Amino acid sequence: SYDLLWGERVVRSVANLTRSDAEEFFALAARVPIHTNVSRYDLDATPQALEDLRHGRFDGAAVIDVAAAP
């Protein structure tokens, strides 16, 4: 199945969050260092992005930047 093949995860929200919970969460989030890894590819480099994905050449997420396309 697709999800097993690519190991993608899904983020779901929960509706039972109180305002106090949110304030506490954002106060904590401000103190925790969050590091993201994004590999950007121009639209014409999509084949290279897929090749890099297949061979594990980046950590995090790959983004195809269609805004940079002519």
C-alpha atoms as a PDB file:
ATOM      1  CA  SER A   1       0.000   0.000   0.000  1.00  0.00           C
ATOM      2  CA  TYR A   2       1.087   3.589  -0.651  1.00  0.00           C
ATOM      3  CA  ASP A   3       1.410   4.584   3.007  1.00  0.00           C
ATOM      4  CA  LEU A   4       3.635   1.585   3.750  1.00  0.00           C
ATOM      5  CA  LEU A   5       5.744   2.204   0.654  1.00  0.00           C
ATOM      6  CA  TRP A   6       6.524   5.857   1.349  1.00  0.00           C
ATOM      7  CA  GLY A   7       6.081   5.931   5.128  1.00  0.00           C
ATOM      8  CA  GLU A   8       4.108   9.161   5.034  1.00  0.00           C
ATOM      9  CA  ARG A   9       2.441  10.397   8.183  1.00  0.00           C
ATOM     10  CA  VAL A  10      -0.765  12.284   8.696  1.00  0.00           C
ATOM     11  CA  VAL A  11      -1.271  15.110  11.172  1.00  0.00           C
ATOM     12  CA  ARG A  12      -4.790  15.316  12.538  1.00  0.00           C
ATOM     13  CA  SER A  13      -6.245  17.995  14.728  1.00  0.00           C
ATOM     14  CA  VAL A  14      -8.368  17.418  17.793  1.00  0.00           C
ATOM     15  CA  ALA A  15     -11.390  19.501  18.660  1.00  0.00           C
ATOM     16  CA  ASN A  16     -11.216  19.097  22.446  1.00  0.00           C
ATOM     17  CA  LEU A  17      -8.502  21.716  22.971  1.00  0.00           C
ATOM     18  CA  THR A  18      -9.255  24.480  25.432  1.00  0.00           C
ATOM     19  CA  ARG A  19      -7.874  28.010  25.219  1.00  0.00           C
ATOM     20  CA  SER A  20      -5.784  27.252  28.308  1.00  0.00           C
ATOM     21  CA  ASP A  21      -4.393  24.114  26.631  1.00  0.00           C
ATOM     22  CA  ALA A  22      -3.428  26.153  23.569  1.00  0.00           C
ATOM     23  CA  GLU A  23      -1.752  28.872  25.642  1.00  0.00           C
ATOM     24  CA  GLU A  24       0.221  26.247  27.551  1.00  0.00           C
ATOM     25  CA  PHE A  25       1.197  24.482  24.335  1.00  0.00           C
ATOM     26  CA  PHE A  26       2.429  27.632  22.586  1.00  0.00           C
ATOM     27  CA  ALA A  27       4.377  28.726  25.665  1.00  0.00           C
ATOM     28  CA  LEU A  28       6.131  25.345  25.634  1.00  0.00           C
ATOM     29  CA  ALA A  29       6.628  25.382  21.858  1.00  0.00           C
ATOM     30  CA  ALA A  30       8.394  28.748  22.123  1.00  0.00           C
ATOM     31  CA  ARG A  31      10.984  27.172  24.452  1.00  0.00           C
ATOM     32  CA  VAL A  32      11.588  24.004  22.428  1.00  0.00           C
ATOM     33  CA  PRO A  33      13.978  24.311  19.500  1.00  0.00           C
ATOM     34  CA  ILE A  34      12.261  23.103  16.335  1.00  0.00           C
ATOM     35  CA  HIS A  35      14.500  22.399  13.366  1.00  0.00           C
ATOM     36  CA  THR A  36      13.109  21.695   9.939  1.00  0.00           C
ATOM     37  CA  ASN A  37      14.919  20.226   6.976  1.00  0.00           C
ATOM     38  CA  VAL A  38      13.548  21.189   3.584  1.00  0.00           C
ATOM     39  CA  SER A  39      15.191  20.391   0.266  1.00  0.00           C
ATOM     40  CA  ARG A  40      13.902  22.755  -2.433  1.00  0.00           C
ATOM     41  CA  TYR A  41      13.780  21.757  -6.095  1.00  0.00           C
ATOM     42  CA  ASP A  42      12.726  23.860  -9.058  1.00  0.00           C
ATOM     43  CA  LEU A  43       9.924  22.374 -11.134  1.00  0.00           C
ATOM     44  CA  ASP A  44      12.300  21.285 -13.896  1.00  0.00           C
ATOM     45  CA  ALA A  45      14.387  19.419 -11.286  1.00  0.00           C
ATOM     46  CA  THR A  46      11.474  17.170 -10.253  1.00  0.00           C
ATOM     47  CA  PRO A  47      13.134  14.046 -11.733  1.00  0.00           C
ATOM     48  CA  GLN A  48      16.220  14.771  -9.613  1.00  0.00           C
ATOM     49  CA  ALA A  49      14.036  15.250  -6.521  1.00  0.00           C
ATOM     50  CA  LEU A  50      12.453  11.855  -7.099  1.00  0.00           C
ATOM     51  CA  GLU A  51      15.843  10.258  -7.635  1.00  0.00           C
ATOM     52  CA  ASP A  52      17.152  11.840  -4.426  1.00  0.00           C
ATOM     53  CA  LEU A  53      14.062  10.600  -2.579  1.00  0.00           C
ATOM     54  CA  ARG A  54      14.555   7.052  -3.861  1.00  0.00           C
ATOM     55  CA  HIS A  55      18.157   7.036  -2.673  1.00  0.00           C
ATOM     56  CA  GLY A  56      17.593   8.767   0.683  1.00  0.00           C
ATOM     57  CA  ARG A  57      19.750  11.770  -0.202  1.00  0.00           C
ATOM     58  CA  PHE A  58      17.889  14.196   2.042  1.00  0.00           C
ATOM     59  CA  ASP A  59      16.270  14.276   5.471  1.00  0.00           C
ATOM     60  CA  GLY A  60      12.948  15.952   6.047  1.00  0.00           C
ATOM     61  CA  ALA A  61      10.772  17.115   3.170  1.00  0.00           C
ATOM     62  CA  ALA A  62      11.353  17.835  -0.501  1.00  0.00           C
ATOM     63  CA  VAL A  63       9.444  20.757  -1.971  1.00  0.00           C
ATOM     64  CA  ILE A  64       8.899  21.280  -5.668  1.00  0.00           C
ATOM     65  CA  ASP A  65       8.865  25.049  -6.185  1.00  0.00           C
ATOM     66  CA  VAL A  66       6.418  25.720  -8.990  1.00  0.00           C
ATOM     67  CA  ALA A  67       6.619  29.474  -8.361  1.00  0.00           C
ATOM     68  CA  ALA A  68      10.131  29.461  -9.801  1.00  0.00           C
ATOM     69  CA  ALA A  69       8.880  27.909 -13.054  1.00  0.00           C
ATOM     70  CA  PRO A  70       9.008  30.135 -16.145  1.00  0.00           C
END
